[in-house]
Amino acid sequence: MPETPGSAGARYSRAGIGMPWLNFAILIVAAYGVGSLPLGYWIVRRRGIDITKVGSGNPGATNVWRVCGWKLGLVVFVLDVLKGLVPALAAQQLLGRQDAAFACGFAAILGHSLSPFLGFKGGKGISTGLGALLGSSPVVALLALSAFIVVVLLTRYVSLASLVAAPAMVVAGILTGDSPILIGAYGVLALFIVFRHRANIARLIAGTEPKFGQKKNPEPGEETASNGTRESVLPEPEPVGAPTEE
């Protein structure tokens, strides 16, 4: 994106290279920190449910929706989108560069997916990625979102829709004439999304991936408790040395 004479990016350029790079580094760190906040996990935890131990174990909006209902799922979705949107918009406003905005959004995605609050685990980055794109490349975001919605409506597989939207983002960047650097960054994000969905890919191939609106079946030896958590129904092992019946 070209810099206008009065833009923040142009002012920083006139001030010298040290100022924009310092601010860029600060924004990257701040974006990762914002993205790493496991809001979905914290919100559901207030209900006495550990979202990382039910459903798919993912703290993102889809699993919260499946386990706790659409209202809470929608809240988590909006918050996760904002985790990517706010850092991207802040970088766009302060630095006046589209590539910097996307980089900060990408840092938020990494924070969301590799959160130190969850042992460097987390969501798969779809909602936060949508926010990052909306704040840096809104046309690309809308085109990728359109592909996502079409696949969900046709198949009801959110994971498959995410896997289609990832390369659609790259194609959209090419069609809209984004810079090669940005298109390459879209490609890196697409690969990251595919990597994060490798378990979903295995379930899609096996035909065991739950569809949107369908509750995930409990694993063998587990049942769903009234509060939404899973409890083992396997017999307790006998203590070592306990007498046994002949």
Protein backbone atom coordinates (compact mmCIF):
# COMPACT_ATOMS: atom_id res chain seq x y z
CA MET A 1 0.00 0.00 0.00
CA PRO A 2 1.55 3.35 -0.98
CA GLU A 3 2.24 5.83 1.78
CA THR A 4 0.47 9.18 1.65
CA PRO A 5 2.53 12.27 2.52
CA GLY A 6 0.78 12.73 5.85
CA SER A 7 0.59 9.07 6.83
CA ALA A 8 2.25 7.63 9.91
CA GLY A 9 4.45 5.48 7.68
CA ALA A 10 5.68 8.52 5.76
CA ARG A 11 6.41 10.42 9.00
CA TYR A 12 8.40 7.48 10.35
CA SER A 13 10.30 7.19 7.07
CA ARG A 14 11.35 10.83 7.34
CA ALA A 15 12.39 10.32 10.96
CA GLY A 16 14.79 7.50 10.04
CA ILE A 17 14.75 3.75 9.87
CA GLY A 18 15.25 3.14 13.59
CA MET A 19 11.87 4.53 14.61
CA PRO A 20 9.61 2.39 12.37
CA TRP A 21 11.50 -0.84 13.01
CA LEU A 22 11.40 -0.28 16.76
CA ASN A 23 7.67 0.38 16.64
CA PHE A 24 7.15 -2.59 14.33
CA ALA A 25 8.97 -4.90 16.77
CA ILE A 26 6.90 -3.59 19.69
CA LEU A 27 3.68 -4.11 17.73
CA ILE A 28 4.69 -7.67 16.81
CA VAL A 29 5.32 -8.57 20.46
CA ALA A 30 2.10 -6.87 21.56
CA ALA A 31 0.14 -8.66 18.81
CA TYR A 32 1.47 -12.04 19.93
CA GLY A 33 0.52 -11.18 23.51
CA VAL A 34 -3.03 -10.20 22.54
CA GLY A 35 -3.43 -13.30 20.40
CA SER A 36 -2.16 -15.57 23.16
CA LEU A 37 -5.00 -14.64 25.54
CA PRO A 38 -7.11 -17.84 25.66
CA LEU A 39 -10.41 -16.03 25.96
CA GLY A 40 -12.50 -19.03 24.91
CA TYR A 41 -10.80 -21.22 27.50
CA TRP A 42 -11.29 -18.65 30.26
CA ILE A 43 -14.94 -17.97 29.41
CA VAL A 44 -15.88 -21.65 29.34
CA ARG A 45 -13.83 -22.34 32.47
CA ARG A 46 -16.15 -20.01 34.38
CA ARG A 47 -18.84 -22.61 33.75
CA GLY A 48 -16.72 -25.32 35.29
CA ILE A 49 -15.73 -26.84 31.94
CA ASP A 50 -12.19 -27.33 30.69
CA ILE A 51 -12.71 -26.86 26.96
CA THR A 52 -9.35 -28.47 26.21
CA LYS A 53 -10.67 -31.78 27.60
CA VAL A 54 -14.05 -31.98 25.88
CA GLY A 55 -15.14 -32.20 22.27
CA SER A 56 -12.15 -31.81 19.98
CA GLY A 57 -10.10 -30.32 22.81
CA ASN A 58 -9.71 -27.11 20.84
CA PRO A 59 -10.36 -23.80 22.68
CA GLY A 60 -11.65 -22.14 19.51
CA ALA A 61 -15.15 -21.02 18.61
CA THR A 62 -16.23 -24.20 16.79
CA ASN A 63 -15.57 -26.48 19.76
CA VAL A 64 -17.09 -23.99 22.21
CA TRP A 65 -20.17 -23.80 19.95
CA ARG A 66 -20.40 -27.61 19.86
CA VAL A 67 -19.92 -28.10 23.60
CA CYS A 68 -21.61 -25.02 25.12
CA GLY A 69 -24.11 -23.88 22.48
CA TRP A 70 -24.28 -21.24 19.78
CA LYS A 71 -24.51 -18.19 22.06
CA LEU A 72 -21.21 -18.81 23.82
CA GLY A 73 -19.68 -20.05 20.58
CA LEU A 74 -20.60 -16.80 18.87
CA VAL A 75 -19.09 -14.75 21.70
CA VAL A 76 -15.82 -16.66 21.44
CA PHE A 77 -15.84 -16.32 17.64
CA VAL A 78 -16.18 -12.52 17.83
CA LEU A 79 -13.46 -12.24 20.48
CA ASP A 80 -11.09 -14.44 18.49
CA VAL A 81 -11.69 -12.34 15.36
CA LEU A 82 -10.94 -9.19 17.35
CA LYS A 83 -7.63 -10.71 18.53
CA GLY A 84 -6.45 -10.64 14.91
CA LEU A 85 -8.29 -7.51 13.80
CA VAL A 86 -7.11 -5.08 16.48
CA PRO A 87 -3.33 -5.68 16.07
CA ALA A 88 -3.63 -5.48 12.27
CA LEU A 89 -5.58 -2.23 12.39
CA ALA A 90 -3.18 -0.79 14.96
CA ALA A 91 -0.19 -1.55 12.73
CA GLN A 92 -1.97 -0.12 9.69
CA GLN A 93 -2.75 3.07 11.59
CA LEU A 94 0.66 3.51 13.22
CA LEU A 95 2.94 2.31 10.41
CA GLY A 96 0.76 2.88 7.35
CA ARG A 97 1.90 -0.38 5.72
CA GLN A 98 -0.25 -3.29 4.63
CA ASP A 99 2.56 -5.81 4.98
CA ALA A 100 3.24 -4.66 8.55
CA ALA A 101 -0.48 -4.92 9.34
CA PHE A 102 -0.61 -8.50 8.07
CA ALA A 103 2.59 -9.39 9.94
CA CYS A 104 1.08 -8.17 13.20
CA GLY A 105 -2.10 -10.07 12.46
CA PHE A 106 0.00 -13.17 11.79
CA ALA A 107 1.77 -12.68 15.13
CA ALA A 108 -1.66 -12.66 16.80
CA ILE A 109 -2.51 -15.93 15.00
CA LEU A 110 0.68 -17.51 16.32
CA GLY A 111 -0.19 -16.31 19.82
CA HIS A 112 -3.68 -17.77 19.51
CA SER A 113 -2.38 -21.13 18.27
CA LEU A 114 0.71 -21.32 20.50
CA SER A 115 -0.45 -19.67 23.70
CA PRO A 116 1.94 -19.75 26.68
CA PHE A 117 -1.15 -19.74 28.91
CA LEU A 118 -2.06 -23.18 27.52
CA GLY A 119 1.38 -24.73 27.36
CA PHE A 120 2.01 -23.32 23.88
CA LYS A 121 -1.12 -24.96 22.54
CA GLY A 122 -4.28 -23.28 21.37
CA GLY A 123 -6.76 -22.81 18.55
CA LYS A 124 -6.24 -23.41 14.87
CA GLY A 125 -6.17 -19.75 13.88
CA ILE A 126 -9.20 -19.52 11.60
CA SER A 127 -11.21 -16.86 13.46
CA THR A 128 -8.10 -14.89 14.43
CA GLY A 129 -6.84 -15.26 10.86
CA LEU A 130 -10.09 -13.79 9.56
CA GLY A 131 -9.57 -10.78 11.83
CA ALA A 132 -5.97 -10.39 10.68
CA LEU A 133 -7.07 -10.37 7.04
CA LEU A 134 -9.97 -8.00 7.68
CA GLY A 135 -7.54 -5.53 9.25
CA SER A 136 -4.88 -5.79 6.53
CA SER A 137 -6.47 -7.17 3.34
CA PRO A 138 -10.26 -6.87 3.64
CA VAL A 139 -11.04 -7.87 0.04
CA VAL A 140 -8.93 -11.02 0.39
CA ALA A 141 -10.66 -11.71 3.71
CA LEU A 142 -14.13 -11.45 2.17
CA LEU A 143 -13.24 -13.68 -0.78
CA ALA A 144 -11.72 -16.35 1.48
CA LEU A 145 -14.70 -16.06 3.84
CA SER A 146 -17.06 -16.55 0.90
CA ALA A 147 -15.28 -19.80 -0.02
CA PHE A 148 -15.49 -20.89 3.62
CA ILE A 149 -19.24 -20.21 3.83
CA VAL A 150 -19.99 -22.04 0.56
CA VAL A 151 -18.15 -25.18 1.71
CA VAL A 152 -19.84 -25.12 5.15
CA LEU A 153 -23.28 -24.78 3.53
CA LEU A 154 -22.57 -27.63 1.12
CA THR A 155 -20.86 -30.07 3.48
CA ARG A 156 -21.32 -28.80 7.07
CA TYR A 157 -17.64 -29.54 7.68
CA VAL A 158 -15.97 -26.50 9.27
CA SER A 159 -12.55 -28.11 9.01
CA LEU A 160 -12.95 -28.78 5.29
CA ALA A 161 -14.16 -25.22 4.78
CA SER A 162 -11.04 -23.95 6.56
CA LEU A 163 -8.82 -26.12 4.38
CA VAL A 164 -10.50 -24.71 1.25
CA ALA A 165 -10.41 -21.09 2.48
CA ALA A 166 -6.65 -21.30 3.13
CA PRO A 167 -5.57 -21.69 -0.53
CA ALA A 168 -8.49 -19.48 -1.59
CA MET A 169 -6.79 -16.71 0.37
CA VAL A 170 -3.67 -17.08 -1.79
CA VAL A 171 -5.69 -17.08 -5.00
CA ALA A 172 -7.60 -14.02 -3.81
CA GLY A 173 -4.32 -12.22 -3.13
CA ILE A 174 -3.16 -12.93 -6.69
CA LEU A 175 -6.47 -11.81 -8.20
CA THR A 176 -6.50 -8.56 -6.22
CA GLY A 177 -2.92 -7.72 -7.20
CA ASP A 178 -1.31 -7.86 -3.77
CA SER A 179 2.47 -7.68 -3.60
CA PRO A 180 4.54 -10.87 -3.99
CA ILE A 181 5.64 -10.52 -0.37
CA LEU A 182 2.04 -10.51 0.83
CA ILE A 183 1.06 -13.38 -1.44
CA GLY A 184 4.00 -15.36 -0.07
CA ALA A 185 2.85 -14.52 3.45
CA TYR A 186 -0.65 -15.75 2.60
CA GLY A 187 0.96 -18.99 1.41
CA VAL A 188 2.83 -19.40 4.69
CA LEU A 189 -0.40 -18.83 6.62
CA ALA A 190 -2.22 -21.34 4.40
CA LEU A 191 0.43 -23.99 5.12
CA PHE A 192 0.23 -23.21 8.83
CA ILE A 193 -3.55 -23.69 8.75
CA VAL A 194 -3.24 -27.01 6.91
CA PHE A 195 -0.63 -28.17 9.45
CA ARG A 196 -2.89 -27.23 12.36
CA HIS A 197 -5.71 -29.27 10.76
CA ARG A 198 -3.74 -32.47 10.23
CA ALA A 199 -5.88 -34.38 12.78
CA ASN A 200 -9.03 -33.11 11.06
CA ILE A 201 -7.66 -34.27 7.71
CA ALA A 202 -7.18 -37.76 9.13
CA ARG A 203 -10.75 -37.79 10.47
CA LEU A 204 -12.15 -36.48 7.17
CA ILE A 205 -10.41 -39.33 5.34
CA ALA A 206 -11.68 -41.84 7.90
CA GLY A 207 -15.21 -40.41 7.78
CA THR A 208 -15.25 -39.66 11.52
CA GLU A 209 -15.04 -35.86 11.43
CA PRO A 210 -18.11 -34.35 13.15
CA LYS A 211 -20.19 -31.95 11.10
CA PHE A 212 -21.15 -28.45 12.20
CA GLY A 213 -23.94 -28.66 14.75
CA GLN A 214 -23.16 -32.29 15.52
CA LYS A 215 -21.80 -33.15 18.93
CA LYS A 216 -18.62 -35.20 18.93
CA ASN A 217 -19.24 -38.72 20.12
CA PRO A 218 -17.50 -39.61 23.40
CA GLU A 219 -14.40 -41.73 23.15
CA PRO A 220 -14.71 -45.39 24.21
CA GLY A 221 -14.85 -45.60 28.00
CA GLU A 222 -16.10 -42.01 28.38
CA GLU A 223 -19.48 -40.39 28.87
CA THR A 224 -20.57 -36.77 28.93
CA ALA A 225 -21.44 -35.48 32.36
CA SER A 226 -24.31 -33.08 33.02
CA ASN A 227 -21.96 -30.09 33.07
CA GLY A 228 -20.52 -30.96 29.68
CA THR A 229 -17.29 -32.55 30.90
CA ARG A 230 -16.28 -36.10 30.14
CA GLU A 231 -15.94 -38.68 32.83
CA SER A 232 -14.42 -42.12 32.60
CA VAL A 233 -16.78 -45.08 32.91
CA LEU A 234 -14.00 -47.66 32.86
CA PRO A 235 -13.61 -49.75 36.03
CA GLU A 236 -11.06 -48.50 38.50
CA PRO A 237 -7.91 -50.64 38.62
CA GLU A 238 -7.48 -52.70 41.74
CA PRO A 239 -4.66 -51.58 44.05
CA VAL A 240 -1.45 -53.51 43.85
CA GLY A 241 -1.47 -56.42 46.28
CA ALA A 242 -5.24 -56.43 46.73
CA PRO A 243 -6.75 -59.90 47.29
CA THR A 244 -8.42 -61.45 44.28
CA GLU A 245 -11.19 -64.01 44.07
CA GLU A 246 -10.13 -67.47 43.02
